[in-house]
Amino acid sequence: LSCAKPGIIFRLNTMAWYRQAPGN
């Protein structure tokens, strides 16, 4: 998986992956 987000916020923050299954 890939996730792109331009801007300075990306470079200054801890990044995370989340997931959501149906009903959860």
PDBML (XML) file of the C-alpha atoms, coordinates in Angstrom:
<?xml version="1.0" encoding="UTF-8" ?>
<PDBx:datablock datablockName="MODEL"
   xmlns:PDBx="http://pdbml.pdb.org/schema/pdbx-v50.xsd"
   xmlns:xsi="http://www.w3.org/2001/XMLSchema-instance"
   xsi:schemaLocation="http://pdbml.pdb.org/schema/pdbx-v50.xsd pdbx-v50.xsd">
   <PDBx:atom_siteCategory>
      <PDBx:atom_site id="1">
         <PDBx:B_iso_or_equiv>0.00</PDBx:B_iso_or_equiv>
         <PDBx:Cartn_x>0.000</PDBx:Cartn_x>
         <PDBx:Cartn_y>0.000</PDBx:Cartn_y>
         <PDBx:Cartn_z>0.000</PDBx:Cartn_z>
         <PDBx:auth_asym_id>A</PDBx:auth_asym_id>
         <PDBx:auth_atom_id>CA</PDBx:auth_atom_id>
         <PDBx:auth_comp_id>LEU</PDBx:auth_comp_id>
         <PDBx:auth_seq_id>1</PDBx:auth_seq_id>
         <PDBx:group_PDB>ATOM</PDBx:group_PDB>
         <PDBx:label_alt_id xsi:nil="true" />
         <PDBx:label_asym_id>A</PDBx:label_asym_id>
         <PDBx:label_atom_id>CA</PDBx:label_atom_id>
         <PDBx:label_comp_id>LEU</PDBx:label_comp_id>
         <PDBx:label_entity_id>1</PDBx:label_entity_id>
         <PDBx:label_seq_id>1</PDBx:label_seq_id>
         <PDBx:occupancy>1.00</PDBx:occupancy>
         <PDBx:pdbx_PDB_model_num>1</PDBx:pdbx_PDB_model_num>
         <PDBx:type_symbol>C</PDBx:type_symbol>
      </PDBx:atom_site>
      <PDBx:atom_site id="2">
         <PDBx:B_iso_or_equiv>0.00</PDBx:B_iso_or_equiv>
         <PDBx:Cartn_x>1.045</PDBx:Cartn_x>
         <PDBx:Cartn_y>3.591</PDBx:Cartn_y>
         <PDBx:Cartn_z>-0.631</PDBx:Cartn_z>
         <PDBx:auth_asym_id>A</PDBx:auth_asym_id>
         <PDBx:auth_atom_id>CA</PDBx:auth_atom_id>
         <PDBx:auth_comp_id>SER</PDBx:auth_comp_id>
         <PDBx:auth_seq_id>2</PDBx:auth_seq_id>
         <PDBx:group_PDB>ATOM</PDBx:group_PDB>
         <PDBx:label_alt_id xsi:nil="true" />
         <PDBx:label_asym_id>A</PDBx:label_asym_id>
         <PDBx:label_atom_id>CA</PDBx:label_atom_id>
         <PDBx:label_comp_id>SER</PDBx:label_comp_id>
         <PDBx:label_entity_id>1</PDBx:label_entity_id>
         <PDBx:label_seq_id>2</PDBx:label_seq_id>
         <PDBx:occupancy>1.00</PDBx:occupancy>
         <PDBx:pdbx_PDB_model_num>1</PDBx:pdbx_PDB_model_num>
         <PDBx:type_symbol>C</PDBx:type_symbol>
      </PDBx:atom_site>
      <PDBx:atom_site id="3">
         <PDBx:B_iso_or_equiv>0.00</PDBx:B_iso_or_equiv>
         <PDBx:Cartn_x>-0.196</PDBx:Cartn_x>
         <PDBx:Cartn_y>6.857</PDBx:Cartn_y>
         <PDBx:Cartn_z>0.790</PDBx:Cartn_z>
         <PDBx:auth_asym_id>A</PDBx:auth_asym_id>
         <PDBx:auth_atom_id>CA</PDBx:auth_atom_id>
         <PDBx:auth_comp_id>CYS</PDBx:auth_comp_id>
         <PDBx:auth_seq_id>3</PDBx:auth_seq_id>
         <PDBx:group_PDB>ATOM</PDBx:group_PDB>
         <PDBx:label_alt_id xsi:nil="true" />
         <PDBx:label_asym_id>A</PDBx:label_asym_id>
         <PDBx:label_atom_id>CA</PDBx:label_atom_id>
         <PDBx:label_comp_id>CYS</PDBx:label_comp_id>
         <PDBx:label_entity_id>1</PDBx:label_entity_id>
         <PDBx:label_seq_id>3</PDBx:label_seq_id>
         <PDBx:occupancy>1.00</PDBx:occupancy>
         <PDBx:pdbx_PDB_model_num>1</PDBx:pdbx_PDB_model_num>
         <PDBx:type_symbol>C</PDBx:type_symbol>
      </PDBx:atom_site>
      <PDBx:atom_site id="4">
         <PDBx:B_iso_or_equiv>0.00</PDBx:B_iso_or_equiv>
         <PDBx:Cartn_x>0.816</PDBx:Cartn_x>
         <PDBx:Cartn_y>10.283</PDBx:Cartn_y>
         <PDBx:Cartn_z>-0.454</PDBx:Cartn_z>
         <PDBx:auth_asym_id>A</PDBx:auth_asym_id>
         <PDBx:auth_atom_id>CA</PDBx:auth_atom_id>
         <PDBx:auth_comp_id>ALA</PDBx:auth_comp_id>
         <PDBx:auth_seq_id>4</PDBx:auth_seq_id>
         <PDBx:group_PDB>ATOM</PDBx:group_PDB>
         <PDBx:label_alt_id xsi:nil="true" />
         <PDBx:label_asym_id>A</PDBx:label_asym_id>
         <PDBx:label_atom_id>CA</PDBx:label_atom_id>
         <PDBx:label_comp_id>ALA</PDBx:label_comp_id>
         <PDBx:label_entity_id>1</PDBx:label_entity_id>
         <PDBx:label_seq_id>4</PDBx:label_seq_id>
         <PDBx:occupancy>1.00</PDBx:occupancy>
         <PDBx:pdbx_PDB_model_num>1</PDBx:pdbx_PDB_model_num>
         <PDBx:type_symbol>C</PDBx:type_symbol>
      </PDBx:atom_site>
      <PDBx:atom_site id="5">
         <PDBx:B_iso_or_equiv>0.00</PDBx:B_iso_or_equiv>
         <PDBx:Cartn_x>0.127</PDBx:Cartn_x>
         <PDBx:Cartn_y>13.635</PDBx:Cartn_y>
         <PDBx:Cartn_z>1.159</PDBx:Cartn_z>
         <PDBx:auth_asym_id>A</PDBx:auth_asym_id>
         <PDBx:auth_atom_id>CA</PDBx:auth_atom_id>
         <PDBx:auth_comp_id>LYS</PDBx:auth_comp_id>
         <PDBx:auth_seq_id>5</PDBx:auth_seq_id>
         <PDBx:group_PDB>ATOM</PDBx:group_PDB>
         <PDBx:label_alt_id xsi:nil="true" />
         <PDBx:label_asym_id>A</PDBx:label_asym_id>
         <PDBx:label_atom_id>CA</PDBx:label_atom_id>
         <PDBx:label_comp_id>LYS</PDBx:label_comp_id>
         <PDBx:label_entity_id>1</PDBx:label_entity_id>
         <PDBx:label_seq_id>5</PDBx:label_seq_id>
         <PDBx:occupancy>1.00</PDBx:occupancy>
         <PDBx:pdbx_PDB_model_num>1</PDBx:pdbx_PDB_model_num>
         <PDBx:type_symbol>C</PDBx:type_symbol>
      </PDBx:atom_site>
      <PDBx:atom_site id="6">
         <PDBx:B_iso_or_equiv>0.00</PDBx:B_iso_or_equiv>
         <PDBx:Cartn_x>1.931</PDBx:Cartn_x>
         <PDBx:Cartn_y>16.783</PDBx:Cartn_y>
         <PDBx:Cartn_z>0.007</PDBx:Cartn_z>
         <PDBx:auth_asym_id>A</PDBx:auth_asym_id>
         <PDBx:auth_atom_id>CA</PDBx:auth_atom_id>
         <PDBx:auth_comp_id>PRO</PDBx:auth_comp_id>
         <PDBx:auth_seq_id>6</PDBx:auth_seq_id>
         <PDBx:group_PDB>ATOM</PDBx:group_PDB>
         <PDBx:label_alt_id xsi:nil="true" />
         <PDBx:label_asym_id>A</PDBx:label_asym_id>
         <PDBx:label_atom_id>CA</PDBx:label_atom_id>
         <PDBx:label_comp_id>PRO</PDBx:label_comp_id>
         <PDBx:label_entity_id>1</PDBx:label_entity_id>
         <PDBx:label_seq_id>6</PDBx:label_seq_id>
         <PDBx:occupancy>1.00</PDBx:occupancy>
         <PDBx:pdbx_PDB_model_num>1</PDBx:pdbx_PDB_model_num>
         <PDBx:type_symbol>C</PDBx:type_symbol>
      </PDBx:atom_site>
      <PDBx:atom_site id="7">
         <PDBx:B_iso_or_equiv>0.00</PDBx:B_iso_or_equiv>
         <PDBx:Cartn_x>2.947</PDBx:Cartn_x>
         <PDBx:Cartn_y>19.365</PDBx:Cartn_y>
         <PDBx:Cartn_z>2.542</PDBx:Cartn_z>
         <PDBx:auth_asym_id>A</PDBx:auth_asym_id>
         <PDBx:auth_atom_id>CA</PDBx:auth_atom_id>
         <PDBx:auth_comp_id>GLY</PDBx:auth_comp_id>
         <PDBx:auth_seq_id>7</PDBx:auth_seq_id>
         <PDBx:group_PDB>ATOM</PDBx:group_PDB>
         <PDBx:label_alt_id xsi:nil="true" />
         <PDBx:label_asym_id>A</PDBx:label_asym_id>
         <PDBx:label_atom_id>CA</PDBx:label_atom_id>
         <PDBx:label_comp_id>GLY</PDBx:label_comp_id>
         <PDBx:label_entity_id>1</PDBx:label_entity_id>
         <PDBx:label_seq_id>7</PDBx:label_seq_id>
         <PDBx:occupancy>1.00</PDBx:occupancy>
         <PDBx:pdbx_PDB_model_num>1</PDBx:pdbx_PDB_model_num>
         <PDBx:type_symbol>C</PDBx:type_symbol>
      </PDBx:atom_site>
      <PDBx:atom_site id="8">
         <PDBx:B_iso_or_equiv>0.00</PDBx:B_iso_or_equiv>
         <PDBx:Cartn_x>5.144</PDBx:Cartn_x>
         <PDBx:Cartn_y>20.003</PDBx:Cartn_y>
         <PDBx:Cartn_z>5.515</PDBx:Cartn_z>
         <PDBx:auth_asym_id>A</PDBx:auth_asym_id>
         <PDBx:auth_atom_id>CA</PDBx:auth_atom_id>
         <PDBx:auth_comp_id>ILE</PDBx:auth_comp_id>
         <PDBx:auth_seq_id>8</PDBx:auth_seq_id>
         <PDBx:group_PDB>ATOM</PDBx:group_PDB>
         <PDBx:label_alt_id xsi:nil="true" />
         <PDBx:label_asym_id>A</PDBx:label_asym_id>
         <PDBx:label_atom_id>CA</PDBx:label_atom_id>
         <PDBx:label_comp_id>ILE</PDBx:label_comp_id>
         <PDBx:label_entity_id>1</PDBx:label_entity_id>
         <PDBx:label_seq_id>8</PDBx:label_seq_id>
         <PDBx:occupancy>1.00</PDBx:occupancy>
         <PDBx:pdbx_PDB_model_num>1</PDBx:pdbx_PDB_model_num>
         <PDBx:type_symbol>C</PDBx:type_symbol>
      </PDBx:atom_site>
      <PDBx:atom_site id="9">
         <PDBx:B_iso_or_equiv>0.00</PDBx:B_iso_or_equiv>
         <PDBx:Cartn_x>2.877</PDBx:Cartn_x>
         <PDBx:Cartn_y>18.257</PDBx:Cartn_y>
         <PDBx:Cartn_z>7.998</PDBx:Cartn_z>
         <PDBx:auth_asym_id>A</PDBx:auth_asym_id>
         <PDBx:auth_atom_id>CA</PDBx:auth_atom_id>
         <PDBx:auth_comp_id>ILE</PDBx:auth_comp_id>
         <PDBx:auth_seq_id>9</PDBx:auth_seq_id>
         <PDBx:group_PDB>ATOM</PDBx:group_PDB>
         <PDBx:label_alt_id xsi:nil="true" />
         <PDBx:label_asym_id>A</PDBx:label_asym_id>
         <PDBx:label_atom_id>CA</PDBx:label_atom_id>
         <PDBx:label_comp_id>ILE</PDBx:label_comp_id>
         <PDBx:label_entity_id>1</PDBx:label_entity_id>
         <PDBx:label_seq_id>9</PDBx:label_seq_id>
         <PDBx:occupancy>1.00</PDBx:occupancy>
         <PDBx:pdbx_PDB_model_num>1</PDBx:pdbx_PDB_model_num>
         <PDBx:type_symbol>C</PDBx:type_symbol>
      </PDBx:atom_site>
      <PDBx:atom_site id="10">
         <PDBx:B_iso_or_equiv>0.00</PDBx:B_iso_or_equiv>
         <PDBx:Cartn_x>3.869</PDBx:Cartn_x>
         <PDBx:Cartn_y>14.867</PDBx:Cartn_y>
         <PDBx:Cartn_z>6.595</PDBx:Cartn_z>
         <PDBx:auth_asym_id>A</PDBx:auth_asym_id>
         <PDBx:auth_atom_id>CA</PDBx:auth_atom_id>
         <PDBx:auth_comp_id>PHE</PDBx:auth_comp_id>
         <PDBx:auth_seq_id>10</PDBx:auth_seq_id>
         <PDBx:group_PDB>ATOM</PDBx:group_PDB>
         <PDBx:label_alt_id xsi:nil="true" />
         <PDBx:label_asym_id>A</PDBx:label_asym_id>
         <PDBx:label_atom_id>CA</PDBx:label_atom_id>
         <PDBx:label_comp_id>PHE</PDBx:label_comp_id>
         <PDBx:label_entity_id>1</PDBx:label_entity_id>
         <PDBx:label_seq_id>10</PDBx:label_seq_id>
         <PDBx:occupancy>1.00</PDBx:occupancy>
         <PDBx:pdbx_PDB_model_num>1</PDBx:pdbx_PDB_model_num>
         <PDBx:type_symbol>C</PDBx:type_symbol>
      </PDBx:atom_site>
      <PDBx:atom_site id="11">
         <PDBx:B_iso_or_equiv>0.00</PDBx:B_iso_or_equiv>
         <PDBx:Cartn_x>7.563</PDBx:Cartn_x>
         <PDBx:Cartn_y>15.537</PDBx:Cartn_y>
         <PDBx:Cartn_z>7.058</PDBx:Cartn_z>
         <PDBx:auth_asym_id>A</PDBx:auth_asym_id>
         <PDBx:auth_atom_id>CA</PDBx:auth_atom_id>
         <PDBx:auth_comp_id>ARG</PDBx:auth_comp_id>
         <PDBx:auth_seq_id>11</PDBx:auth_seq_id>
         <PDBx:group_PDB>ATOM</PDBx:group_PDB>
         <PDBx:label_alt_id xsi:nil="true" />
         <PDBx:label_asym_id>A</PDBx:label_asym_id>
         <PDBx:label_atom_id>CA</PDBx:label_atom_id>
         <PDBx:label_comp_id>ARG</PDBx:label_comp_id>
         <PDBx:label_entity_id>1</PDBx:label_entity_id>
         <PDBx:label_seq_id>11</PDBx:label_seq_id>
         <PDBx:occupancy>1.00</PDBx:occupancy>
         <PDBx:pdbx_PDB_model_num>1</PDBx:pdbx_PDB_model_num>
         <PDBx:type_symbol>C</PDBx:type_symbol>
      </PDBx:atom_site>
      <PDBx:atom_site id="12">
         <PDBx:B_iso_or_equiv>0.00</PDBx:B_iso_or_equiv>
         <PDBx:Cartn_x>7.182</PDBx:Cartn_x>
         <PDBx:Cartn_y>16.725</PDBx:Cartn_y>
         <PDBx:Cartn_z>10.652</PDBx:Cartn_z>
         <PDBx:auth_asym_id>A</PDBx:auth_asym_id>
         <PDBx:auth_atom_id>CA</PDBx:auth_atom_id>
         <PDBx:auth_comp_id>LEU</PDBx:auth_comp_id>
         <PDBx:auth_seq_id>12</PDBx:auth_seq_id>
         <PDBx:group_PDB>ATOM</PDBx:group_PDB>
         <PDBx:label_alt_id xsi:nil="true" />
         <PDBx:label_asym_id>A</PDBx:label_asym_id>
         <PDBx:label_atom_id>CA</PDBx:label_atom_id>
         <PDBx:label_comp_id>LEU</PDBx:label_comp_id>
         <PDBx:label_entity_id>1</PDBx:label_entity_id>
         <PDBx:label_seq_id>12</PDBx:label_seq_id>
         <PDBx:occupancy>1.00</PDBx:occupancy>
         <PDBx:pdbx_PDB_model_num>1</PDBx:pdbx_PDB_model_num>
         <PDBx:type_symbol>C</PDBx:type_symbol>
      </PDBx:atom_site>
      <PDBx:atom_site id="13">
         <PDBx:B_iso_or_equiv>0.00</PDBx:B_iso_or_equiv>
         <PDBx:Cartn_x>4.910</PDBx:Cartn_x>
         <PDBx:Cartn_y>14.008</PDBx:Cartn_y>
         <PDBx:Cartn_z>12.005</PDBx:Cartn_z>
         <PDBx:auth_asym_id>A</PDBx:auth_asym_id>
         <PDBx:auth_atom_id>CA</PDBx:auth_atom_id>
         <PDBx:auth_comp_id>ASN</PDBx:auth_comp_id>
         <PDBx:auth_seq_id>13</PDBx:auth_seq_id>
         <PDBx:group_PDB>ATOM</PDBx:group_PDB>
         <PDBx:label_alt_id xsi:nil="true" />
         <PDBx:label_asym_id>A</PDBx:label_asym_id>
         <PDBx:label_atom_id>CA</PDBx:label_atom_id>
         <PDBx:label_comp_id>ASN</PDBx:label_comp_id>
         <PDBx:label_entity_id>1</PDBx:label_entity_id>
         <PDBx:label_seq_id>13</PDBx:label_seq_id>
         <PDBx:occupancy>1.00</PDBx:occupancy>
         <PDBx:pdbx_PDB_model_num>1</PDBx:pdbx_PDB_model_num>
         <PDBx:type_symbol>C</PDBx:type_symbol>
      </PDBx:atom_site>
      <PDBx:atom_site id="14">
         <PDBx:B_iso_or_equiv>0.00</PDBx:B_iso_or_equiv>
         <PDBx:Cartn_x>4.799</PDBx:Cartn_x>
         <PDBx:Cartn_y>10.371</PDBx:Cartn_y>
         <PDBx:Cartn_z>12.931</PDBx:Cartn_z>
         <PDBx:auth_asym_id>A</PDBx:auth_asym_id>
         <PDBx:auth_atom_id>CA</PDBx:auth_atom_id>
         <PDBx:auth_comp_id>THR</PDBx:auth_comp_id>
         <PDBx:auth_seq_id>14</PDBx:auth_seq_id>
         <PDBx:group_PDB>ATOM</PDBx:group_PDB>
         <PDBx:label_alt_id xsi:nil="true" />
         <PDBx:label_asym_id>A</PDBx:label_asym_id>
         <PDBx:label_atom_id>CA</PDBx:label_atom_id>
         <PDBx:label_comp_id>THR</PDBx:label_comp_id>
         <PDBx:label_entity_id>1</PDBx:label_entity_id>
         <PDBx:label_seq_id>14</PDBx:label_seq_id>
         <PDBx:occupancy>1.00</PDBx:occupancy>
         <PDBx:pdbx_PDB_model_num>1</PDBx:pdbx_PDB_model_num>
         <PDBx:type_symbol>C</PDBx:type_symbol>
      </PDBx:atom_site>
      <PDBx:atom_site id="15">
         <PDBx:B_iso_or_equiv>0.00</PDBx:B_iso_or_equiv>
         <PDBx:Cartn_x>2.797</PDBx:Cartn_x>
         <PDBx:Cartn_y>8.637</PDBx:Cartn_y>
         <PDBx:Cartn_z>10.213</PDBx:Cartn_z>
         <PDBx:auth_asym_id>A</PDBx:auth_asym_id>
         <PDBx:auth_atom_id>CA</PDBx:auth_atom_id>
         <PDBx:auth_comp_id>MET</PDBx:auth_comp_id>
         <PDBx:auth_seq_id>15</PDBx:auth_seq_id>
         <PDBx:group_PDB>ATOM</PDBx:group_PDB>
         <PDBx:label_alt_id xsi:nil="true" />
         <PDBx:label_asym_id>A</PDBx:label_asym_id>
         <PDBx:label_atom_id>CA</PDBx:label_atom_id>
         <PDBx:label_comp_id>MET</PDBx:label_comp_id>
         <PDBx:label_entity_id>1</PDBx:label_entity_id>
         <PDBx:label_seq_id>15</PDBx:label_seq_id>
         <PDBx:occupancy>1.00</PDBx:occupancy>
         <PDBx:pdbx_PDB_model_num>1</PDBx:pdbx_PDB_model_num>
         <PDBx:type_symbol>C</PDBx:type_symbol>
      </PDBx:atom_site>
      <PDBx:atom_site id="16">
         <PDBx:B_iso_or_equiv>0.00</PDBx:B_iso_or_equiv>
         <PDBx:Cartn_x>0.422</PDBx:Cartn_x>
         <PDBx:Cartn_y>5.753</PDBx:Cartn_y>
         <PDBx:Cartn_z>10.726</PDBx:Cartn_z>
         <PDBx:auth_asym_id>A</PDBx:auth_asym_id>
         <PDBx:auth_atom_id>CA</PDBx:auth_atom_id>
         <PDBx:auth_comp_id>ALA</PDBx:auth_comp_id>
         <PDBx:auth_seq_id>16</PDBx:auth_seq_id>
         <PDBx:group_PDB>ATOM</PDBx:group_PDB>
         <PDBx:label_alt_id xsi:nil="true" />
         <PDBx:label_asym_id>A</PDBx:label_asym_id>
         <PDBx:label_atom_id>CA</PDBx:label_atom_id>
         <PDBx:label_comp_id>ALA</PDBx:label_comp_id>
         <PDBx:label_entity_id>1</PDBx:label_entity_id>
         <PDBx:label_seq_id>16</PDBx:label_seq_id>
         <PDBx:occupancy>1.00</PDBx:occupancy>
         <PDBx:pdbx_PDB_model_num>1</PDBx:pdbx_PDB_model_num>
         <PDBx:type_symbol>C</PDBx:type_symbol>
      </PDBx:atom_site>
      <PDBx:atom_site id="17">
         <PDBx:B_iso_or_equiv>0.00</PDBx:B_iso_or_equiv>
         <PDBx:Cartn_x>-1.590</PDBx:Cartn_x>
         <PDBx:Cartn_y>3.147</PDBx:Cartn_y>
         <PDBx:Cartn_z>8.896</PDBx:Cartn_z>
         <PDBx:auth_asym_id>A</PDBx:auth_asym_id>
         <PDBx:auth_atom_id>CA</PDBx:auth_atom_id>
         <PDBx:auth_comp_id>TRP</PDBx:auth_comp_id>
         <PDBx:auth_seq_id>17</PDBx:auth_seq_id>
         <PDBx:group_PDB>ATOM</PDBx:group_PDB>
         <PDBx:label_alt_id xsi:nil="true" />
         <PDBx:label_asym_id>A</PDBx:label_asym_id>
         <PDBx:label_atom_id>CA</PDBx:label_atom_id>
         <PDBx:label_comp_id>TRP</PDBx:label_comp_id>
         <PDBx:label_entity_id>1</PDBx:label_entity_id>
         <PDBx:label_seq_id>17</PDBx:label_seq_id>
         <PDBx:occupancy>1.00</PDBx:occupancy>
         <PDBx:pdbx_PDB_model_num>1</PDBx:pdbx_PDB_model_num>
         <PDBx:type_symbol>C</PDBx:type_symbol>
      </PDBx:atom_site>
      <PDBx:atom_site id="18">
         <PDBx:B_iso_or_equiv>0.00</PDBx:B_iso_or_equiv>
         <PDBx:Cartn_x>-5.037</PDBx:Cartn_x>
         <PDBx:Cartn_y>2.295</PDBx:Cartn_y>
         <PDBx:Cartn_z>10.202</PDBx:Cartn_z>
         <PDBx:auth_asym_id>A</PDBx:auth_asym_id>
         <PDBx:auth_atom_id>CA</PDBx:auth_atom_id>
         <PDBx:auth_comp_id>TYR</PDBx:auth_comp_id>
         <PDBx:auth_seq_id>18</PDBx:auth_seq_id>
         <PDBx:group_PDB>ATOM</PDBx:group_PDB>
         <PDBx:label_alt_id xsi:nil="true" />
         <PDBx:label_asym_id>A</PDBx:label_asym_id>
         <PDBx:label_atom_id>CA</PDBx:label_atom_id>
         <PDBx:label_comp_id>TYR</PDBx:label_comp_id>
         <PDBx:label_entity_id>1</PDBx:label_entity_id>
         <PDBx:label_seq_id>18</PDBx:label_seq_id>
         <PDBx:occupancy>1.00</PDBx:occupancy>
         <PDBx:pdbx_PDB_model_num>1</PDBx:pdbx_PDB_model_num>
         <PDBx:type_symbol>C</PDBx:type_symbol>
      </PDBx:atom_site>
      <PDBx:atom_site id="19">
         <PDBx:B_iso_or_equiv>0.00</PDBx:B_iso_or_equiv>
         <PDBx:Cartn_x>-7.649</PDBx:Cartn_x>
         <PDBx:Cartn_y>-0.191</PDBx:Cartn_y>
         <PDBx:Cartn_z>9.087</PDBx:Cartn_z>
         <PDBx:auth_asym_id>A</PDBx:auth_asym_id>
         <PDBx:auth_atom_id>CA</PDBx:auth_atom_id>
         <PDBx:auth_comp_id>ARG</PDBx:auth_comp_id>
         <PDBx:auth_seq_id>19</PDBx:auth_seq_id>
         <PDBx:group_PDB>ATOM</PDBx:group_PDB>
         <PDBx:label_alt_id xsi:nil="true" />
         <PDBx:label_asym_id>A</PDBx:label_asym_id>
         <PDBx:label_atom_id>CA</PDBx:label_atom_id>
         <PDBx:label_comp_id>ARG</PDBx:label_comp_id>
         <PDBx:label_entity_id>1</PDBx:label_entity_id>
         <PDBx:label_seq_id>19</PDBx:label_seq_id>
         <PDBx:occupancy>1.00</PDBx:occupancy>
         <PDBx:pdbx_PDB_model_num>1</PDBx:pdbx_PDB_model_num>
         <PDBx:type_symbol>C</PDBx:type_symbol>
      </PDBx:atom_site>
      <PDBx:atom_site id="20">
         <PDBx:B_iso_or_equiv>0.00</PDBx:B_iso_or_equiv>
         <PDBx:Cartn_x>-11.354</PDBx:Cartn_x>
         <PDBx:Cartn_y>-0.667</PDBx:Cartn_y>
         <PDBx:Cartn_z>9.531</PDBx:Cartn_z>
         <PDBx:auth_asym_id>A</PDBx:auth_asym_id>
         <PDBx:auth_atom_id>CA</PDBx:auth_atom_id>
         <PDBx:auth_comp_id>GLN</PDBx:auth_comp_id>
         <PDBx:auth_seq_id>20</PDBx:auth_seq_id>
         <PDBx:group_PDB>ATOM</PDBx:group_PDB>
         <PDBx:label_alt_id xsi:nil="true" />
         <PDBx:label_asym_id>A</PDBx:label_asym_id>
         <PDBx:label_atom_id>CA</PDBx:label_atom_id>
         <PDBx:label_comp_id>GLN</PDBx:label_comp_id>
         <PDBx:label_entity_id>1</PDBx:label_entity_id>
         <PDBx:label_seq_id>20</PDBx:label_seq_id>
         <PDBx:occupancy>1.00</PDBx:occupancy>
         <PDBx:pdbx_PDB_model_num>1</PDBx:pdbx_PDB_model_num>
         <PDBx:type_symbol>C</PDBx:type_symbol>
      </PDBx:atom_site>
      <PDBx:atom_site id="21">
         <PDBx:B_iso_or_equiv>0.00</PDBx:B_iso_or_equiv>
         <PDBx:Cartn_x>-13.168</PDBx:Cartn_x>
         <PDBx:Cartn_y>-3.921</PDBx:Cartn_y>
         <PDBx:Cartn_z>8.932</PDBx:Cartn_z>
         <PDBx:auth_asym_id>A</PDBx:auth_asym_id>
         <PDBx:auth_atom_id>CA</PDBx:auth_atom_id>
         <PDBx:auth_comp_id>ALA</PDBx:auth_comp_id>
         <PDBx:auth_seq_id>21</PDBx:auth_seq_id>
         <PDBx:group_PDB>ATOM</PDBx:group_PDB>
         <PDBx:label_alt_id xsi:nil="true" />
         <PDBx:label_asym_id>A</PDBx:label_asym_id>
         <PDBx:label_atom_id>CA</PDBx:label_atom_id>
         <PDBx:label_comp_id>ALA</PDBx:label_comp_id>
         <PDBx:label_entity_id>1</PDBx:label_entity_id>
         <PDBx:label_seq_id>21</PDBx:label_seq_id>
         <PDBx:occupancy>1.00</PDBx:occupancy>
         <PDBx:pdbx_PDB_model_num>1</PDBx:pdbx_PDB_model_num>
         <PDBx:type_symbol>C</PDBx:type_symbol>
      </PDBx:atom_site>
      <PDBx:atom_site id="22">
         <PDBx:B_iso_or_equiv>0.00</PDBx:B_iso_or_equiv>
         <PDBx:Cartn_x>-16.948</PDBx:Cartn_x>
         <PDBx:Cartn_y>-4.011</PDBx:Cartn_y>
         <PDBx:Cartn_z>8.466</PDBx:Cartn_z>
         <PDBx:auth_asym_id>A</PDBx:auth_asym_id>
         <PDBx:auth_atom_id>CA</PDBx:auth_atom_id>
         <PDBx:auth_comp_id>PRO</PDBx:auth_comp_id>
         <PDBx:auth_seq_id>22</PDBx:auth_seq_id>
         <PDBx:group_PDB>ATOM</PDBx:group_PDB>
         <PDBx:label_alt_id xsi:nil="true" />
         <PDBx:label_asym_id>A</PDBx:label_asym_id>
         <PDBx:label_atom_id>CA</PDBx:label_atom_id>
         <PDBx:label_comp_id>PRO</PDBx:label_comp_id>
         <PDBx:label_entity_id>1</PDBx:label_entity_id>
         <PDBx:label_seq_id>22</PDBx:label_seq_id>
         <PDBx:occupancy>1.00</PDBx:occupancy>
         <PDBx:pdbx_PDB_model_num>1</PDBx:pdbx_PDB_model_num>
         <PDBx:type_symbol>C</PDBx:type_symbol>
      </PDBx:atom_site>
      <PDBx:atom_site id="23">
         <PDBx:B_iso_or_equiv>0.00</PDBx:B_iso_or_equiv>
         <PDBx:Cartn_x>-18.708</PDBx:Cartn_x>
         <PDBx:Cartn_y>-3.615</PDBx:Cartn_y>
         <PDBx:Cartn_z>11.801</PDBx:Cartn_z>
         <PDBx:auth_asym_id>A</PDBx:auth_asym_id>
         <PDBx:auth_atom_id>CA</PDBx:auth_atom_id>
         <PDBx:auth_comp_id>GLY</PDBx:auth_comp_id>
         <PDBx:auth_seq_id>23</PDBx:auth_seq_id>
         <PDBx:group_PDB>ATOM</PDBx:group_PDB>
         <PDBx:label_alt_id xsi:nil="true" />
         <PDBx:label_asym_id>A</PDBx:label_asym_id>
         <PDBx:label_atom_id>CA</PDBx:label_atom_id>
         <PDBx:label_comp_id>GLY</PDBx:label_comp_id>
         <PDBx:label_entity_id>1</PDBx:label_entity_id>
         <PDBx:label_seq_id>23</PDBx:label_seq_id>
         <PDBx:occupancy>1.00</PDBx:occupancy>
         <PDBx:pdbx_PDB_model_num>1</PDBx:pdbx_PDB_model_num>
         <PDBx:type_symbol>C</PDBx:type_symbol>
      </PDBx:atom_site>
      <PDBx:atom_site id="24">
         <PDBx:B_iso_or_equiv>0.00</PDBx:B_iso_or_equiv>
         <PDBx:Cartn_x>-15.485</PDBx:Cartn_x>
         <PDBx:Cartn_y>-2.784</PDBx:Cartn_y>
         <PDBx:Cartn_z>13.611</PDBx:Cartn_z>
         <PDBx:auth_asym_id>A</PDBx:auth_asym_id>
         <PDBx:auth_atom_id>CA</PDBx:auth_atom_id>
         <PDBx:auth_comp_id>ASN</PDBx:auth_comp_id>
         <PDBx:auth_seq_id>24</PDBx:auth_seq_id>
         <PDBx:group_PDB>ATOM</PDBx:group_PDB>
         <PDBx:label_alt_id xsi:nil="true" />
         <PDBx:label_asym_id>A</PDBx:label_asym_id>
         <PDBx:label_atom_id>CA</PDBx:label_atom_id>
         <PDBx:label_comp_id>ASN</PDBx:label_comp_id>
         <PDBx:label_entity_id>1</PDBx:label_entity_id>
         <PDBx:label_seq_id>24</PDBx:label_seq_id>
         <PDBx:occupancy>1.00</PDBx:occupancy>
         <PDBx:pdbx_PDB_model_num>1</PDBx:pdbx_PDB_model_num>
         <PDBx:type_symbol>C</PDBx:type_symbol>
      </PDBx:atom_site>
   </PDBx:atom_siteCategory>
</PDBx:datablock>
